[in-house]
Protein backbone atom coordinates (compact mmCIF):
# COMPACT_ATOMS: atom_id res chain seq x y z
CA MET A 1 -17.15 69.83 60.26
CA LEU A 2 -15.74 67.13 57.99
CA SER A 3 -13.34 68.43 55.44
CA GLU A 4 -14.08 67.58 51.71
CA THR A 5 -11.42 64.80 51.71
CA GLY A 6 -12.73 63.39 55.10
CA SER A 7 -16.23 63.41 53.95
CA SER A 8 -15.30 61.67 50.54
CA SER A 9 -13.34 59.01 52.53
CA LEU A 10 -16.32 58.30 54.81
CA LEU A 11 -18.69 57.99 51.85
CA GLY A 12 -16.32 55.68 50.21
CA ASN A 13 -16.04 53.57 53.22
CA GLN A 14 -19.79 53.36 53.52
CA ARG A 15 -20.11 52.36 49.92
CA GLY A 16 -17.40 49.58 50.42
CA VAL A 17 -19.43 48.33 53.38
CA THR A 18 -22.51 48.19 51.47
CA LEU A 19 -20.87 46.40 48.63
CA VAL A 20 -19.33 43.75 50.94
CA GLY A 21 -22.65 43.32 52.74
CA GLY A 22 -24.50 42.93 49.46
CA VAL A 23 -22.03 40.56 47.80
CA SER A 24 -21.84 38.24 50.95
CA THR A 25 -25.67 37.87 51.00
CA ILE A 26 -25.49 37.00 47.24
CA VAL A 27 -22.90 34.34 47.94
CA LEU A 28 -25.11 32.83 50.68
CA ILE A 29 -27.97 32.62 48.27
CA ALA A 30 -25.73 30.83 45.74
CA THR A 31 -24.34 28.40 48.22
CA SER A 32 -28.06 27.74 49.53
CA GLY A 33 -28.78 26.41 46.14
CA LEU A 34 -25.74 24.04 46.34
CA ALA A 35 -26.97 22.75 49.79
CA TRP A 36 -30.40 22.22 48.61
CA GLY A 37 -29.26 20.16 45.74
CA GLY A 38 -27.10 18.20 48.02
CA GLY A 39 -29.96 17.42 50.35
CA HIS A 40 -28.88 19.53 53.36
CA GLN A 41 -32.21 21.18 53.95
CA LYS A 42 -31.87 21.03 57.70
CA LEU A 43 -28.43 22.90 57.59
CA LEU A 44 -29.98 25.41 55.07
CA GLY A 45 -32.60 26.38 57.54
CA ILE A 46 -30.08 26.84 60.39
CA ALA A 47 -27.93 29.05 58.12
CA TRP A 48 -30.84 31.43 57.25
CA ILE A 49 -32.04 31.55 60.76
CA ALA A 50 -28.51 32.56 61.91
CA PHE A 51 -28.46 35.23 58.93
CA PHE A 52 -31.82 36.81 59.69
CA GLY A 53 -31.34 36.67 63.50
CA MET A 54 -27.85 38.60 63.30
CA ALA A 55 -29.09 40.99 60.56
CA VAL A 56 -32.32 41.94 62.34
CA ALA A 57 -30.52 42.29 65.72
CA GLY A 58 -27.89 44.52 64.12
CA TRP A 59 -30.46 46.63 62.43
CA LEU A 60 -31.94 47.18 65.96
CA GLY A 61 -28.53 47.71 67.41
CA GLU A 62 -27.92 50.64 65.07
CA ARG A 63 -31.07 52.41 66.26
CA ALA A 64 -30.54 51.83 70.01
CA PRO A 65 -29.70 54.89 72.10
CA HIS A 66 -25.76 55.31 72.45
CA GLY A 67 -23.80 55.80 75.60
CA ASN A 68 -25.37 52.83 77.47
CA ALA A 69 -22.75 50.28 78.28
CA SER A 70 -25.36 47.79 79.41
CA VAL A 71 -26.19 47.18 75.73
CA LEU A 72 -22.77 45.69 75.25
CA VAL A 73 -22.69 43.88 78.52
CA TRP A 74 -26.06 42.12 77.83
CA GLY A 75 -25.38 41.48 74.12
CA TYR A 76 -22.09 39.83 74.71
CA GLY A 77 -23.23 38.16 78.06
CA LEU A 78 -26.14 36.52 76.36
CA ALA A 79 -24.08 35.43 73.45
CA SER A 80 -21.27 33.94 75.64
CA GLY A 81 -23.66 32.16 78.02
CA ALA A 82 -25.54 30.50 75.06
CA MET A 83 -22.36 29.49 73.40
CA ILE A 84 -20.53 28.07 76.45
CA THR A 85 -23.71 26.03 77.34
CA SER A 86 -24.01 24.77 73.78
CA ALA A 87 -20.54 23.75 73.48
CA ALA A 88 -20.45 21.91 76.87
CA VAL A 89 -23.76 20.23 76.19
CA PHE A 90 -23.96 19.50 72.53
CA LEU A 91 -20.42 19.65 71.08
CA LEU A 92 -18.20 18.06 73.79
CA PRO A 93 -20.24 14.76 74.15
CA GLN A 94 -20.03 14.23 70.35
CA ALA A 95 -16.16 14.56 70.70
CA MET A 96 -16.01 12.20 73.65
CA ASN A 97 -18.34 9.73 72.07
CA GLN A 98 -16.09 9.44 69.07
CA HIS A 99 -13.00 8.78 71.13
CA ALA A 100 -12.50 10.04 74.71
CA THR A 101 -8.75 10.46 74.54
CA TYR A 102 -8.30 11.89 71.07
CA GLY A 103 -11.43 13.98 71.55
CA GLY A 104 -9.74 15.54 74.56
CA PHE A 105 -6.62 16.27 72.67
CA GLY A 106 -8.67 17.72 69.93
CA VAL A 107 -10.35 20.08 72.43
CA ALA A 108 -6.94 21.30 73.75
CA LEU A 109 -5.81 21.75 70.05
CA GLY A 110 -8.95 23.76 69.26
CA LEU A 111 -8.47 26.02 72.29
CA PHE A 112 -4.81 26.60 71.30
CA ALA A 113 -5.67 27.39 67.75
CA GLY A 114 -8.40 29.67 68.69
CA PHE A 115 -6.20 31.52 71.03
CA GLY A 116 -3.49 31.86 68.30
CA ALA A 117 -5.90 33.03 65.66
CA HIS A 118 -7.37 35.56 68.02
CA THR A 119 -4.00 36.97 69.07
CA LEU A 120 -2.69 37.22 65.57
CA GLY A 121 -5.96 38.62 64.38
CA HIS A 122 -5.35 41.77 66.31
CA ARG A 123 -2.97 42.65 63.42
CA LEU A 124 -6.20 43.43 61.53
CA ALA A 125 -6.35 46.65 63.47
CA HIS A 126 -3.35 47.89 61.44
CA ILE A 127 -5.06 47.08 58.11
CA ASP A 128 -7.47 49.52 56.39
CA LEU A 129 -10.61 47.37 56.23
CA PRO A 130 -14.23 48.39 55.38
CA LEU A 131 -15.05 46.80 58.84
CA ASP A 132 -13.72 48.03 62.23
CA ARG A 133 -11.71 45.58 64.23
CA THR A 134 -14.61 44.27 66.33
CA LEU A 135 -16.63 43.39 63.20
CA ALA A 136 -13.67 41.88 61.48
CA GLU A 137 -13.01 39.40 64.38
CA LEU A 138 -16.91 38.76 64.56
CA THR A 139 -16.62 37.67 60.86
CA ALA A 140 -13.79 35.34 61.76
CA HIS A 141 -15.79 33.92 64.64
CA ALA A 142 -18.81 33.55 62.22
CA LEU A 143 -16.77 31.69 59.65
CA ALA A 144 -15.26 29.21 62.33
CA ALA A 145 -18.86 28.56 63.77
CA GLY A 146 -20.18 27.92 60.27
CA ALA A 147 -17.28 25.48 59.72
CA ILE A 148 -18.11 23.62 62.83
CA ILE A 149 -21.82 23.32 62.04
CA GLY A 150 -21.16 22.21 58.58
CA ILE A 151 -18.66 19.35 59.39
CA ILE A 152 -20.99 18.18 62.18
CA TYR A 153 -24.08 18.15 60.18
CA GLY A 154 -22.37 16.85 57.02
CA ASN A 155 -21.06 13.86 58.80
CA MET A 156 -23.92 13.19 61.15
CA PRO A 157 -26.99 14.03 59.17
CA GLU A 158 -29.26 12.19 61.69
CA LEU A 159 -28.73 15.01 64.17
CA GLY A 160 -31.77 17.21 64.86
CA PRO A 161 -31.83 20.90 64.47
CA LEU A 162 -31.46 21.68 68.18
CA LEU A 163 -27.66 21.51 68.13
CA GLY A 164 -27.25 23.93 65.19
CA LEU A 165 -29.81 26.37 66.60
CA ALA A 166 -27.97 26.35 69.82
CA ILE A 167 -24.70 27.08 68.14
CA VAL A 168 -26.14 30.07 66.36
CA SER A 169 -28.31 31.40 69.32
CA HIS A 170 -25.62 33.84 69.98
CA LYS A 171 -25.79 35.54 66.68
CA GLY A 172 -28.58 37.98 67.55
CA PRO A 173 -27.11 39.31 70.68
CA ALA A 174 -23.61 39.39 69.22
CA GLY A 175 -24.93 41.29 66.15
CA TYR A 176 -26.89 43.83 68.22
CA ALA A 177 -23.86 44.57 70.37
CA ALA A 178 -21.42 44.84 67.50
CA VAL A 179 -23.43 47.15 65.22
CA HIS A 180 -24.32 49.26 68.16
CA ARG A 181 -20.77 49.90 68.83
CA TYR A 182 -19.79 50.24 65.17
CA SER A 183 -22.60 52.81 64.51
CA GLN A 184 -21.10 55.01 67.17
CA GLN A 185 -18.21 55.38 64.81
CA ASP A 186 -20.61 56.33 61.97
CA GLY A 187 -20.49 52.82 60.70
CA ASP A 188 -23.13 51.43 58.46
CA TRP A 189 -25.52 48.52 59.53
CA TRP A 190 -24.75 46.72 56.23
CA ALA A 191 -21.55 45.60 57.68
CA ILE A 192 -23.23 43.04 59.73
CA LEU A 193 -24.34 41.13 56.70
CA LEU A 194 -20.85 39.86 56.15
CA PRO A 195 -20.57 37.79 59.45
CA ALA A 196 -24.41 37.03 59.19
CA ALA A 197 -23.87 35.41 55.78
CA GLY A 198 -20.50 33.96 56.61
CA VAL A 199 -22.01 31.45 58.99
CA GLY A 200 -24.13 29.71 56.36
CA VAL A 201 -21.58 29.93 53.46
CA THR A 202 -18.93 28.11 55.38
CA ALA A 203 -21.43 25.69 56.92
CA MET A 204 -22.85 24.71 53.55
CA VAL A 205 -19.43 24.36 51.94
CA THR A 206 -17.87 22.30 54.69
CA SER A 207 -20.93 20.06 54.96
CA PHE A 208 -19.58 18.30 51.83
CA LEU A 209 -16.33 17.43 53.54
CA ALA A 210 -16.45 13.68 54.57
CA LEU A 211 -14.43 12.63 57.52
CA PRO A 212 -12.57 9.37 57.73
CA THR A 213 -14.42 6.57 59.64
CA SER A 214 -11.45 6.29 62.09
CA ALA A 215 -12.65 6.99 65.67
CA SER A 216 -9.45 8.67 66.56
CA ILE A 217 -9.53 11.04 63.58
CA ARG A 218 -13.14 11.86 64.14
CA GLY A 219 -12.48 12.45 67.87
CA VAL A 220 -9.71 14.93 66.96
CA VAL A 221 -11.90 16.70 64.43
CA PHE A 222 -14.99 16.89 66.61
CA GLY A 223 -12.78 17.90 69.68
CA PHE A 224 -11.02 20.61 67.61
CA ALA A 225 -14.37 22.05 66.68
CA THR A 226 -15.48 22.01 70.32
CA GLY A 227 -12.24 23.78 71.47
CA VAL A 228 -12.47 26.40 68.83
CA PHE A 229 -16.09 27.23 69.68
CA LEU A 230 -15.25 27.29 73.37
CA HIS A 231 -12.55 29.79 72.72
CA VAL A 232 -14.98 31.93 70.61
CA ALA A 233 -17.50 31.70 73.49
CA MET A 234 -15.00 32.76 76.19
CA ASP A 235 -13.91 35.61 73.92
CA PHE A 236 -17.54 37.03 74.11
CA LEU A 237 -17.49 37.22 77.93
CA PRO A 238 -18.14 40.81 78.77
CA GLU A 239 -15.18 42.42 80.50
CA CYS A 240 -15.95 45.24 82.92
CA GLU A 241 -12.49 46.64 83.51
CA LEU A 242 -10.81 49.99 83.00
CA GLY A 243 -9.78 50.26 79.38
CA SER A 244 -12.06 47.47 78.18
CA GLU A 245 -14.65 48.01 75.40
CA VAL A 246 -17.41 48.38 78.09
CA HIS A 247 -15.51 51.04 79.73
CA GLU A 248 -14.94 52.93 76.43
CA SER A 249 -18.57 52.93 75.75
CA LEU A 250 -19.57 54.58 79.06
CA ALA A 251 -21.09 58.00 78.75
CA TYR A 252 -19.43 59.11 81.92
CA GLU A 253 -16.74 61.50 82.78
CA GLY A 254 -14.58 60.90 86.02
CA ASP A 255 -14.18 57.90 88.10
CA ALA A 256 -16.06 55.03 86.45
CA HIS A 257 -15.38 52.33 89.10
CA ALA A 258 -18.79 52.47 90.59
CA ILE A 259 -20.51 52.01 87.23
CA LEU A 260 -18.19 49.05 86.27
CA ASP A 261 -18.93 47.40 89.50
CA ARG A 262 -22.70 47.54 88.59
CA MET A 263 -21.82 46.30 85.06
CA ARG A 264 -20.12 43.23 86.53
CA ILE A 265 -23.48 42.25 88.17
CA HIS A 266 -25.13 42.62 84.70
CA ALA A 267 -22.34 40.57 83.11
CA VAL A 268 -22.82 37.63 85.42
CA ALA A 269 -26.61 37.90 85.08
CA SER A 270 -26.57 38.01 81.37
CA THR A 271 -24.29 34.94 80.88
CA ALA A 272 -26.37 32.97 83.25
CA ILE A 273 -29.64 33.88 81.33
CA GLY A 274 -27.89 33.01 78.01
CA GLY A 275 -27.03 29.55 79.48
CA LEU A 276 -30.60 29.11 80.84
CA VAL A 277 -32.27 29.99 77.36
CA VAL A 278 -30.38 27.04 75.82
CA PHE A 279 -31.31 24.80 78.69
CA PHE A 280 -35.02 25.58 78.50
CA ALA A 281 -34.93 25.25 74.68
CA TRP A 282 -33.58 21.77 75.09
CA LEU A 283 -36.18 20.84 77.54
CA ILE A 284 -38.96 22.08 75.12
CA ILE A 285 -37.48 20.45 71.98
CA ALA A 286 -35.72 17.32 73.22
């Protein structure tokens, strides 16, 4: 049984999560008005699709049965497969079309920056936050993805909605898996509203950032966005190793090698299906 102090701490944390989720949603509504006034209706639609996709999936993830590692494997696998395919098909060609060489340097810079941010971001584990580390990192990923979408659509408004929808296609599976894990620690579903809203907020704010007309500069910027997004995508690849998040979620005592071996098959299948979903969506819409 929780002590009075422990119960009070848990209640305070839940209230903090609810407050953060509600405030982030209000900020999204406010920036939506800014985007509408600036004529960015296409971006507005993508932002709210990402928000509802992640929020609804998170709500379902909280109610899913616990102790089933396949939930994490399929959630992260579908997300990473969709993200990697989107980056390779939609973002990378844009960077190369601006300037092949500088675009390539931008991709490398984005990968290095993503790795550095992710590595240093583990310091969040030592800070008392209303979110657990996974959701805090998911929020950082959401802000990065939103910035990429905003810069691209702000400077290339002629682009159709497929690119943006492909970029945010991972939000549902990612939200489902993250909240499913968070709820096992008595976490509150409202926490997912922070990363869900963060995509649209950063996208609509950065959409007003005008890039120089120089092909080399635009190549670096678009390449950097591609590299960051690729790093985020690779970070979502499900790891089925001892000591991994998947291993920790197993409701199993004893030697887990056999189960993890089966989970590896699910990991490969889920990432492949995530990529195929983007491919078939392109065939239908393009």
